[in-house]
Amino acid sequence: MAYFAKIEQNIVVTIVVANQQSDCGDGTWLQVYKGNASSRRRACKGFNYDSDSDAIIAPKPFKSWSLDEKFLWQAPSREPDDEKSYKWDEDLLSWVEVE
């Protein structure tokens, strides 16, 4: 069994489990993966399909973030690693501690 995503207008609209792609029915279907099996083909409903790179990409979380070579969104700066909780503040373009 494998996971397949149905793509409509470059958006993942559904994900099914099937033996092979031909079992999925009409439309455009791509084999996808759960977890970290393939960062180019991890899919959730609402993710975008980029046919040029043959990658499925999560929606951009913030305007300032950029896509890395693994097709994952990265903040302009690294989140602090000091055991505290942080969230991204787009207005300040920095990580702020969650109180």
PDB file of N, CA and C in Angstrom:
ATOM      1  N   MET A   1       0.840  -1.178   0.000  1.00  0.00           N
ATOM      2  CA  MET A   1       0.000   0.000   0.000  1.00  0.00           C
ATOM      3  C   MET A   1       0.887   1.245   0.000  1.00  0.00           C
ATOM      4  N   ALA A   2       0.381   2.290  -0.627  1.00  0.00           N
ATOM      5  CA  ALA A   2       1.129   3.544  -0.728  1.00  0.00           C
ATOM      6  C   ALA A   2       0.150   4.708  -0.613  1.00  0.00           C
ATOM      7  N   TYR A   3       0.702   5.892  -0.374  1.00  0.00           N
ATOM      8  CA  TYR A   3      -0.101   7.107  -0.284  1.00  0.00           C
ATOM      9  C   TYR A   3      -0.040   7.855  -1.613  1.00  0.00           C
ATOM     10  N   PHE A   4      -1.196   8.378  -2.039  1.00  0.00           N
ATOM     11  CA  PHE A   4      -1.283   9.149  -3.267  1.00  0.00           C
ATOM     12  C   PHE A   4      -2.072  10.427  -3.000  1.00  0.00           C
ATOM     13  N   ALA A   5      -1.593  11.535  -3.559  1.00  0.00           N
ATOM     14  CA  ALA A   5      -2.262  12.826  -3.412  1.00  0.00           C
ATOM     15  C   ALA A   5      -2.897  13.218  -4.738  1.00  0.00           C
ATOM     16  N   LYS A   6      -4.145  13.648  -4.675  1.00  0.00           N
ATOM     17  CA  LYS A   6      -4.813  14.166  -5.866  1.00  0.00           C
ATOM     18  C   LYS A   6      -4.493  15.654  -5.954  1.00  0.00           C
ATOM     19  N   ILE A   7      -4.032  16.082  -7.143  1.00  0.00           N
ATOM     20  CA  ILE A   7      -3.629  17.457  -7.381  1.00  0.00           C
ATOM     21  C   ILE A   7      -4.640  18.113  -8.318  1.00  0.00           C
ATOM     22  N   GLU A   8      -5.186  19.235  -7.882  1.00  0.00           N
ATOM     23  CA  GLU A   8      -6.077  20.041  -8.721  1.00  0.00           C
ATOM     24  C   GLU A   8      -5.596  21.478  -8.654  1.00  0.00           C
ATOM     25  N   GLN A   9      -5.315  22.076  -9.797  1.00  0.00           N
ATOM     26  CA  GLN A   9      -4.810  23.449  -9.893  1.00  0.00           C
ATOM     27  C   GLN A   9      -3.599  23.651  -8.973  1.00  0.00           C
ATOM     28  N   ASN A  10      -2.711  22.651  -8.977  1.00  0.00           N
ATOM     29  CA  ASN A  10      -1.460  22.656  -8.208  1.00  0.00           C
ATOM     30  C   ASN A  10      -1.651  22.672  -6.691  1.00  0.00           C
ATOM     31  N   ILE A  11      -2.804  22.208  -6.222  1.00  0.00           N
ATOM     32  CA  ILE A  11      -3.088  22.116  -4.792  1.00  0.00           C
ATOM     33  C   ILE A  11      -3.452  20.663  -4.463  1.00  0.00           C
ATOM     34  N   VAL A  12      -2.922  20.146  -3.341  1.00  0.00           N
ATOM     35  CA  VAL A  12      -3.304  18.813  -2.866  1.00  0.00           C
ATOM     36  C   VAL A  12      -4.730  18.917  -2.318  1.00  0.00           C
ATOM     37  N   VAL A  13      -5.652  18.167  -2.917  1.00  0.00           N
ATOM     38  CA  VAL A  13      -7.052  18.238  -2.482  1.00  0.00           C
ATOM     39  C   VAL A  13      -7.471  17.042  -1.645  1.00  0.00           C
ATOM     40  N   THR A  14      -6.771  15.930  -1.790  1.00  0.00           N
ATOM     41  CA  THR A  14      -7.065  14.754  -0.972  1.00  0.00           C
ATOM     42  C   THR A  14      -5.885  13.792  -1.021  1.00  0.00           C
ATOM     43  N   ILE A  15      -5.812  12.931  -0.033  1.00  0.00           N
ATOM     44  CA  ILE A  15      -4.777  11.895   0.010  1.00  0.00           C
ATOM     45  C   ILE A  15      -5.468  10.576   0.291  1.00  0.00           C
ATOM     46  N   VAL A  16      -5.090   9.551  -0.472  1.00  0.00           N
ATOM     47  CA  VAL A  16      -5.680   8.227  -0.300  1.00  0.00           C
ATOM     48  C   VAL A  16      -4.580   7.178  -0.173  1.00  0.00           C
ATOM     49  N   VAL A  17      -4.973   6.013   0.316  1.00  0.00           N
ATOM     50  CA  VAL A  17      -4.081   4.860   0.371  1.00  0.00           C
ATOM     51  C   VAL A  17      -4.561   3.887  -0.699  1.00  0.00           C
ATOM     52  N   ALA A  18      -3.639   3.437  -1.544  1.00  0.00           N
ATOM     53  CA  ALA A  18      -3.990   2.515  -2.623  1.00  0.00           C
ATOM     54  C   ALA A  18      -2.794   1.630  -2.948  1.00  0.00           C
ATOM     55  N   ASN A  19      -3.063   0.544  -3.655  1.00  0.00           N
ATOM     56  CA  ASN A  19      -1.984  -0.350  -4.068  1.00  0.00           C
ATOM     57  C   ASN A  19      -1.094   0.291  -5.121  1.00  0.00           C
ATOM     58  N   GLN A  20      -1.710   1.004  -6.048  1.00  0.00           N
ATOM     59  CA  GLN A  20      -0.947   1.656  -7.109  1.00  0.00           C
ATOM     60  C   GLN A  20      -1.716   2.878  -7.600  1.00  0.00           C
ATOM     61  N   GLN A  21      -1.017   3.734  -8.310  1.00  0.00           N
ATOM     62  CA  GLN A  21      -1.604   4.995  -8.772  1.00  0.00           C
ATOM     63  C   GLN A  21      -2.851   4.767  -9.620  1.00  0.00           C
ATOM     64  N   SER A  22      -2.861   3.738 -10.423  1.00  0.00           N
ATOM     65  CA  SER A  22      -4.004   3.487 -11.310  1.00  0.00           C
ATOM     66  C   SER A  22      -5.275   3.138 -10.533  1.00  0.00           C
ATOM     67  N   ASP A  23      -5.158   2.791  -9.256  1.00  0.00           N
ATOM     68  CA  ASP A  23      -6.328   2.484  -8.427  1.00  0.00           C
ATOM     69  C   ASP A  23      -7.022   3.745  -7.909  1.00  0.00           C
ATOM     70  N   CYS A  24      -6.425   4.904  -8.110  1.00  0.00           N
ATOM     71  CA  CYS A  24      -6.931   6.137  -7.511  1.00  0.00           C
ATOM     72  C   CYS A  24      -8.076   6.786  -8.268  1.00  0.00           C
ATOM     73  N   GLY A  25      -8.226   6.497  -9.526  1.00  0.00           N
ATOM     74  CA  GLY A  25      -9.310   7.103 -10.291  1.00  0.00           C
ATOM     75  C   GLY A  25      -8.819   8.208 -11.199  1.00  0.00           C
ATOM     76  N   ASP A  26      -9.765   8.987 -11.700  1.00  0.00           N
ATOM     77  CA  ASP A  26      -9.457  10.060 -12.650  1.00  0.00           C
ATOM     78  C   ASP A  26      -8.725  11.206 -11.965  1.00  0.00           C
ATOM     79  N   GLY A  27      -8.033  11.977 -12.779  1.00  0.00           N
ATOM     80  CA  GLY A  27      -7.341  13.154 -12.275  1.00  0.00           C
ATOM     81  C   GLY A  27      -5.840  12.943 -12.202  1.00  0.00           C
ATOM     82  N   THR A  28      -5.177  13.918 -11.626  1.00  0.00           N
ATOM     83  CA  THR A  28      -3.725  13.873 -11.478  1.00  0.00           C
ATOM     84  C   THR A  28      -3.397  13.402 -10.076  1.00  0.00           C
ATOM     85  N   TRP A  29      -2.689  12.273  -9.988  1.00  0.00           N
ATOM     86  CA  TRP A  29      -2.317  11.679  -8.704  1.00  0.00           C
ATOM     87  C   TRP A  29      -0.812  11.526  -8.647  1.00  0.00           C
ATOM     88  N   LEU A  30      -0.228  11.837  -7.486  1.00  0.00           N
ATOM     89  CA  LEU A  30       1.204  11.672  -7.265  1.00  0.00           C
ATOM     90  C   LEU A  30       1.421  10.810  -6.033  1.00  0.00           C
ATOM     91  N   GLN A  31       2.413   9.933  -6.099  1.00  0.00           N
ATOM     92  CA  GLN A  31       2.742   9.167  -4.906  1.00  0.00           C
ATOM     93  C   GLN A  31       3.423  10.106  -3.917  1.00  0.00           C
ATOM     94  N   VAL A  32       2.975  10.043  -2.661  1.00  0.00           N
ATOM     95  CA  VAL A  32       3.520  10.906  -1.608  1.00  0.00           C
ATOM     96  C   VAL A  32       3.894  10.042  -0.407  1.00  0.00           C
ATOM     97  N   TYR A  33       4.497  10.676   0.590  1.00  0.00           N
ATOM     98  CA  TYR A  33       5.014   9.940   1.734  1.00  0.00           C
ATOM     99  C   TYR A  33       4.604  10.618   3.034  1.00  0.00           C
ATOM    100  N   LYS A  34       4.553   9.821   4.092  1.00  0.00           N
ATOM    101  CA  LYS A  34       4.311  10.360   5.423  1.00  0.00           C
ATOM    102  C   LYS A  34       5.642  10.501   6.133  1.00  0.00           C
ATOM    103  N   GLY A  35       5.703  11.413   7.087  1.00  0.00           N
ATOM    104  CA  GLY A  35       6.927  11.588   7.857  1.00  0.00           C
ATOM    105  C   GLY A  35       8.018  12.218   7.016  1.00  0.00           C
ATOM    106  N   ASN A  36       9.253  11.849   7.278  1.00  0.00           N
ATOM    107  CA  ASN A  36      10.398  12.454   6.603  1.00  0.00           C
ATOM    108  C   ASN A  36      10.950  11.582   5.480  1.00  0.00           C
ATOM    109  N   ALA A  37      10.148  10.677   4.963  1.00  0.00           N
ATOM    110  CA  ALA A  37      10.640   9.766   3.936  1.00  0.00           C
ATOM    111  C   ALA A  37      11.188  10.515   2.732  1.00  0.00           C
ATOM    112  N   SER A  38      10.516  11.551   2.313  1.00  0.00           N
ATOM    113  CA  SER A  38      10.979  12.349   1.180  1.00  0.00           C
ATOM    114  C   SER A  38      10.444  13.762   1.349  1.00  0.00           C
ATOM    115  N   SER A  39      11.303  14.701   1.656  1.00  0.00           N
ATOM    116  CA  SER A  39      10.828  16.061   1.897  1.00  0.00           C
ATOM    117  C   SER A  39      10.206  16.675   0.643  1.00  0.00           C
ATOM    118  N   ARG A  40      10.569  16.194  -0.525  1.00  0.00           N
ATOM    119  CA  ARG A  40       9.977  16.713  -1.765  1.00  0.00           C
ATOM    120  C   ARG A  40       8.544  16.235  -1.959  1.00  0.00           C
ATOM    121  N   ARG A  41       8.172  15.160  -1.331  1.00  0.00           N
ATOM    122  CA  ARG A  41       6.855  14.580  -1.559  1.00  0.00           C
ATOM    123  C   ARG A  41       6.073  14.314  -0.267  1.00  0.00           C
ATOM    124  N   ARG A  42       6.328  15.081   0.795  1.00  0.00           N
ATOM    125  CA  ARG A  42       5.462  15.004   1.970  1.00  0.00           C
ATOM    126  C   ARG A  42       4.240  15.842   1.655  1.00  0.00           C
ATOM    127  N   ALA A  43       3.068  15.326   1.922  1.00  0.00           N
ATOM    128  CA  ALA A  43       1.871  16.056   1.508  1.00  0.00           C
ATOM    129  C   ALA A  43       0.811  16.095   2.590  1.00  0.00           C
ATOM    130  N   CYS A  44       0.107  17.187   2.614  1.00  0.00           N
ATOM    131  CA  CYS A  44      -1.102  17.368   3.408  1.00  0.00           C
ATOM    132  C   CYS A  44      -2.091  18.127   2.536  1.00  0.00           C
ATOM    133  N   LYS A  45      -3.349  17.949   2.821  1.00  0.00           N
ATOM    134  CA  LYS A  45      -4.379  18.676   2.089  1.00  0.00           C
ATOM    135  C   LYS A  45      -4.090  20.168   2.192  1.00  0.00           C
ATOM    136  N   GLY A  46      -4.145  20.857   1.064  1.00  0.00           N
ATOM    137  CA  GLY A  46      -3.898  22.288   1.022  1.00  0.00           C
ATOM    138  C   GLY A  46      -2.471  22.672   0.660  1.00  0.00           C
ATOM    139  N   PHE A  47      -1.557  21.689   0.623  1.00  0.00           N
ATOM    140  CA  PHE A  47      -0.179  21.978   0.221  1.00  0.00           C
ATOM    141  C   PHE A  47      -0.155  22.249  -1.281  1.00  0.00           C
ATOM    142  N   ASN A  48       0.909  22.904  -1.744  1.00  0.00           N
ATOM    143  CA  ASN A  48       1.060  23.287  -3.154  1.00  0.00           C
ATOM    144  C   ASN A  48       1.990  22.326  -3.885  1.00  0.00           C
ATOM    145  N   TYR A  49       1.675  22.049  -5.132  1.00  0.00           N
ATOM    146  CA  TYR A  49       2.536  21.223  -5.977  1.00  0.00           C
ATOM    147  C   TYR A  49       3.261  22.122  -6.961  1.00  0.00           C
ATOM    148  N   ASP A  50       4.588  22.055  -6.959  1.00  0.00           N
ATOM    149  CA  ASP A  50       5.421  22.798  -7.899  1.00  0.00           C
ATOM    150  C   ASP A  50       5.924  21.814  -8.942  1.00  0.00           C
ATOM    151  N   SER A  51       5.346  21.869 -10.122  1.00  0.00           N
ATOM    152  CA  SER A  51       5.698  20.905 -11.164  1.00  0.00           C
ATOM    153  C   SER A  51       7.122  21.097 -11.677  1.00  0.00           C
ATOM    154  N   ASP A  52       7.649  22.323 -11.629  1.00  0.00           N
ATOM    155  CA  ASP A  52       9.020  22.561 -12.092  1.00  0.00           C
ATOM    156  C   ASP A  52      10.038  21.789 -11.257  1.00  0.00           C
ATOM    157  N   SER A  53       9.829  21.744  -9.958  1.00  0.00           N
ATOM    158  CA  SER A  53      10.753  21.017  -9.073  1.00  0.00           C
ATOM    159  C   SER A  53      10.209  19.658  -8.677  1.00  0.00           C
ATOM    160  N   ASP A  54       8.989  19.330  -9.126  1.00  0.00           N
ATOM    161  CA  ASP A  54       8.318  18.079  -8.778  1.00  0.00           C
ATOM    162  C   ASP A  54       8.293  17.899  -7.261  1.00  0.00           C
ATOM    163  N   ALA A  55       7.915  18.974  -6.566  1.00  0.00           N
ATOM    164  CA  ALA A  55       7.890  18.971  -5.104  1.00  0.00           C
ATOM    165  C   ALA A  55       6.537  19.460  -4.600  1.00  0.00           C
ATOM    166  N   ILE A  56       6.148  18.926  -3.449  1.00  0.00           N
ATOM    167  CA  ILE A  56       4.958  19.385  -2.759  1.00  0.00           C
ATOM    168  C   ILE A  56       5.444  20.252  -1.596  1.00  0.00           C
ATOM    169  N   ILE A  57       4.899  21.464  -1.512  1.00  0.00           N
ATOM    170  CA  ILE A  57       5.414  22.465  -0.595  1.00  0.00           C
ATOM    171  C   ILE A  57       4.297  22.965   0.314  1.00  0.00           C
ATOM    172  N   ALA A  58       4.584  23.023   1.604  1.00  0.00           N
ATOM    173  CA  ALA A  58       3.622  23.566   2.564  1.00  0.00           C
ATOM    174  C   ALA A  58       3.353  25.033   2.241  1.00  0.00           C
ATOM    175  N   PRO A  59       2.186  25.538   2.610  1.00  0.00           N
ATOM    176  CA  PRO A  59       1.929  26.964   2.401  1.00  0.00           C
ATOM    177  C   PRO A  59       2.965  27.810   3.148  1.00  0.00           C
ATOM    178  N   LYS A  60       3.338  28.930   2.561  1.00  0.00           N
ATOM    179  CA  LYS A  60       4.340  29.812   3.156  1.00  0.00           C
ATOM    180  C   LYS A  60       3.786  30.392   4.464  1.00  0.00           C
ATOM    181  N   PRO A  61       4.477  30.169   5.592  1.00  0.00           N
ATOM    182  CA  PRO A  61       3.926  30.610   6.871  1.00  0.00           C
ATOM    183  C   PRO A  61       4.003  32.117   7.096  1.00  0.00           C
ATOM    184  N   PHE A  62       5.029  32.764   6.580  1.00  0.00           N
ATOM    185  CA  PHE A  62       5.223  34.199   6.749  1.00  0.00           C
ATOM    186  C   PHE A  62       5.874  34.767   5.499  1.00  0.00           C
ATOM    187  N   LYS A  63       5.592  36.024   5.200  1.00  0.00           N
ATOM    188  CA  LYS A  63       6.119  36.666   4.001  1.00  0.00           C
ATOM    189  C   LYS A  63       7.647  36.670   3.961  1.00  0.00           C
ATOM    190  N   SER A  64       8.288  36.811   5.119  1.00  0.00           N
ATOM    191  CA  SER A  64       9.751  36.942   5.172  1.00  0.00           C
ATOM    192  C   SER A  64      10.500  35.609   5.063  1.00  0.00           C
ATOM    193  N   TRP A  65       9.808  34.503   5.172  1.00  0.00           N
ATOM    194  CA  TRP A  65      10.474  33.202   5.171  1.00  0.00           C
ATOM    195  C   TRP A  65      10.829  32.790   3.745  1.00  0.00           C
ATOM    196  N   SER A  66      11.854  31.960   3.618  1.00  0.00           N
ATOM    197  CA  SER A  66      12.283  31.493   2.291  1.00  0.00           C
ATOM    198  C   SER A  66      12.348  29.969   2.266  1.00  0.00           C
ATOM    199  N   LEU A  67      12.265  29.454   1.072  1.00  0.00           N
ATOM    200  CA  LEU A  67      12.273  28.010   0.857  1.00  0.00           C
ATOM    201  C   LEU A  67      13.710  27.519   0.726  1.00  0.00           C
ATOM    202  N   ASP A  68      14.059  26.466   1.476  1.00  0.00           N
ATOM    203  CA  ASP A  68      15.421  25.946   1.392  1.00  0.00           C
ATOM    204  C   ASP A  68      15.520  24.844   0.340  1.00  0.00           C
ATOM    205  N   GLU A  69      16.701  24.260   0.203  1.00  0.00           N
ATOM    206  CA  GLU A  69      16.945  23.238  -0.823  1.00  0.00           C
ATOM    207  C   GLU A  69      16.171  21.945  -0.581  1.00  0.00           C
ATOM    208  N   LYS A  70      15.646  21.770   0.632  1.00  0.00           N
ATOM    209  CA  LYS A  70      14.829  20.595   0.951  1.00  0.00           C
ATOM    210  C   LYS A  70      13.338  20.900   0.852  1.00  0.00           C
ATOM    211  N   PHE A  71      13.004  22.082   0.316  1.00  0.00           N
ATOM    212  CA  PHE A  71      11.622  22.528   0.132  1.00  0.00           C
ATOM    213  C   PHE A  71      10.892  22.710   1.467  1.00  0.00           C
ATOM    214  N   LEU A  72      11.634  23.202   2.460  1.00  0.00           N
ATOM    215  CA  LEU A  72      11.069  23.530   3.769  1.00  0.00           C
ATOM    216  C   LEU A  72      11.240  25.031   3.995  1.00  0.00           C
ATOM    217  N   TRP A  73      10.248  25.664   4.620  1.00  0.00           N
ATOM    218  CA  TRP A  73      10.296  27.101   4.878  1.00  0.00           C
ATOM    219  C   TRP A  73      11.214  27.396   6.045  1.00  0.00           C
ATOM    220  N   GLN A  74      12.067  28.407   5.889  1.00  0.00           N
ATOM    221  CA  GLN A  74      13.019  28.805   6.925  1.00  0.00           C
ATOM    222  C   GLN A  74      12.848  30.288   7.256  1.00  0.00           C
ATOM    223  N   ALA A  75      12.900  30.585   8.551  1.00  0.00           N
ATOM    224  CA  ALA A  75      12.839  31.974   9.011  1.00  0.00           C
ATOM    225  C   ALA A  75      14.142  32.681   8.641  1.00  0.00           C
ATOM    226  N   PRO A  76      14.128  34.017   8.596  1.00  0.00           N
ATOM    227  CA  PRO A  76      15.355  34.754   8.293  1.00  0.00           C
ATOM    228  C   PRO A  76      16.450  34.584   9.347  1.00  0.00           C
ATOM    229  N   SER A  77      16.070  34.181  10.557  1.00  0.00           N
ATOM    230  CA  SER A  77      17.056  33.917  11.603  1.00  0.00           C
ATOM    231  C   SER A  77      16.672  32.642  12.347  1.00  0.00           C
ATOM    232  N   ARG A  78      17.658  32.023  12.942  1.00  0.00           N
ATOM    233  CA  ARG A  78      17.416  30.768  13.657  1.00  0.00           C
ATOM    234  C   ARG A  78      16.696  31.021  14.971  1.00  0.00           C
ATOM    235  N   GLU A  79      15.807  30.110  15.302  1.00  0.00           N
ATOM    236  CA  GLU A  79      15.116  30.187  16.587  1.00  0.00           C
ATOM    237  C   GLU A  79      16.121  29.918  17.708  1.00  0.00           C
ATOM    238  N   PRO A  80      16.083  30.720  18.790  1.00  0.00           N
ATOM    239  CA  PRO A  80      17.010  30.485  19.895  1.00  0.00           C
ATOM    240  C   PRO A  80      16.878  29.065  20.452  1.00  0.00           C
ATOM    241  N   ASP A  81      17.999  28.518  20.867  1.00  0.00           N
ATOM    242  CA  ASP A  81      18.032  27.158  21.404  1.00  0.00           C
ATOM    243  C   ASP A  81      18.437  27.210  22.876  1.00  0.00           C
ATOM    244  N   ASP A  82      17.504  27.710  23.700  1.00  0.00           N
ATOM    245  CA  ASP A  82      17.816  27.884  25.114  1.00  0.00           C
ATOM    246  C   ASP A  82      16.741  27.315  26.039  1.00  0.00           C
ATOM    247  N   GLU A  83      15.991  26.345  25.537  1.00  0.00           N
ATOM    248  CA  GLU A  83      14.963  25.646  26.320  1.00  0.00           C
ATOM    249  C   GLU A  83      13.715  26.485  26.588  1.00  0.00           C
ATOM    250  N   LYS A  84      13.636  27.693  26.051  1.00  0.00           N
ATOM    251  CA  LYS A  84      12.447  28.533  26.198  1.00  0.00           C
ATOM    252  C   LYS A  84      11.572  28.352  24.964  1.00  0.00           C
ATOM    253  N   SER A  85      10.315  28.788  25.054  1.00  0.00           N
ATOM    254  CA  SER A  85       9.390  28.705  23.914  1.00  0.00           C
ATOM    255  C   SER A  85       9.364  30.041  23.178  1.00  0.00           C
ATOM    256  N   TYR A  86       9.402  29.956  21.857  1.00  0.00           N
ATOM    257  CA  TYR A  86       9.403  31.147  21.020  1.00  0.00           C
ATOM    258  C   TYR A  86       8.368  31.018  19.912  1.00  0.00           C
ATOM    259  N   LYS A  87       7.954  32.171  19.407  1.00  0.00           N
ATOM    260  CA  LYS A  87       7.116  32.222  18.205  1.00  0.00           C
ATOM    261  C   LYS A  87       7.688  33.302  17.304  1.00  0.00           C
ATOM    262  N   TRP A  88       7.410  33.175  16.011  1.00  0.00           N
ATOM    263  CA  TRP A  88       7.921  34.140  15.050  1.00  0.00           C
ATOM    264  C   TRP A  88       7.019  35.372  15.043  1.00  0.00           C
ATOM    265  N   ASP A  89       7.617  36.552  15.112  1.00  0.00           N
ATOM    266  CA  ASP A  89       6.898  37.817  15.024  1.00  0.00           C
ATOM    267  C   ASP A  89       7.271  38.461  13.691  1.00  0.00           C
ATOM    268  N   GLU A  90       6.352  38.444  12.781  1.00  0.00           N
ATOM    269  CA  GLU A  90       6.615  38.941  11.434  1.00  0.00           C
ATOM    270  C   GLU A  90       6.840  40.453  11.418  1.00  0.00           C
ATOM    271  N   ASP A  91       6.172  41.205  12.301  1.00  0.00           N
ATOM    272  CA  ASP A  91       6.367  42.652  12.346  1.00  0.00           C
ATOM    273  C   ASP A  91       7.783  43.015  12.798  1.00  0.00           C
ATOM    274  N   LEU A  92       8.300  42.267  13.766  1.00  0.00           N
ATOM    275  CA  LEU A  92       9.658  42.510  14.263  1.00  0.00           C
ATOM    276  C   LEU A  92      10.734  41.746  13.479  1.00  0.00           C
ATOM    277  N   LEU A  93      10.288  40.805  12.666  1.00  0.00           N
ATOM    278  CA  LEU A  93      11.200  39.912  11.931  1.00  0.00           C
ATOM    279  C   LEU A  93      12.183  39.225  12.869  1.00  0.00           C
ATOM    280  N   SER A  94      11.620  38.703  13.963  1.00  0.00           N
ATOM    281  CA  SER A  94      12.467  37.993  14.928  1.00  0.00           C
ATOM    282  C   SER A  94      11.623  37.051  15.777  1.00  0.00           C
ATOM    283  N   TRP A  95      12.311  36.189  16.491  1.00  0.00           N
ATOM    284  CA  TRP A  95      11.678  35.263  17.427  1.00  0.00           C
ATOM    285  C   TRP A  95      11.423  35.998  18.735  1.00  0.00           C
ATOM    286  N   VAL A  96      10.241  35.833  19.288  1.00  0.00           N
ATOM    287  CA  VAL A  96       9.905  36.438  20.578  1.00  0.00           C
ATOM    288  C   VAL A  96       9.508  35.331  21.540  1.00  0.00           C
ATOM    289  N   GLU A  97       9.908  35.504  22.768  1.00  0.00           N
ATOM    290  CA  GLU A  97       9.619  34.496  23.786  1.00  0.00           C
ATOM    291  C   GLU A  97       8.118  34.454  24.080  1.00  0.00           C
ATOM    292  N   VAL A  98       7.599  33.240  24.198  1.00  0.00           N
ATOM    293  CA  VAL A  98       6.186  33.044  24.546  1.00  0.00           C
ATOM    294  C   VAL A  98       6.104  33.030  26.068  1.00  0.00           C
ATOM    295  N   GLU A  99       5.286  33.906  26.592  1.00  0.00           N
ATOM    296  CA  GLU A  99       5.170  33.988  28.057  1.00  0.00           C
ATOM    297  C   GLU A  99       4.030  33.154  28.567  1.00  0.00           C
TER     298      GLU A  99
END
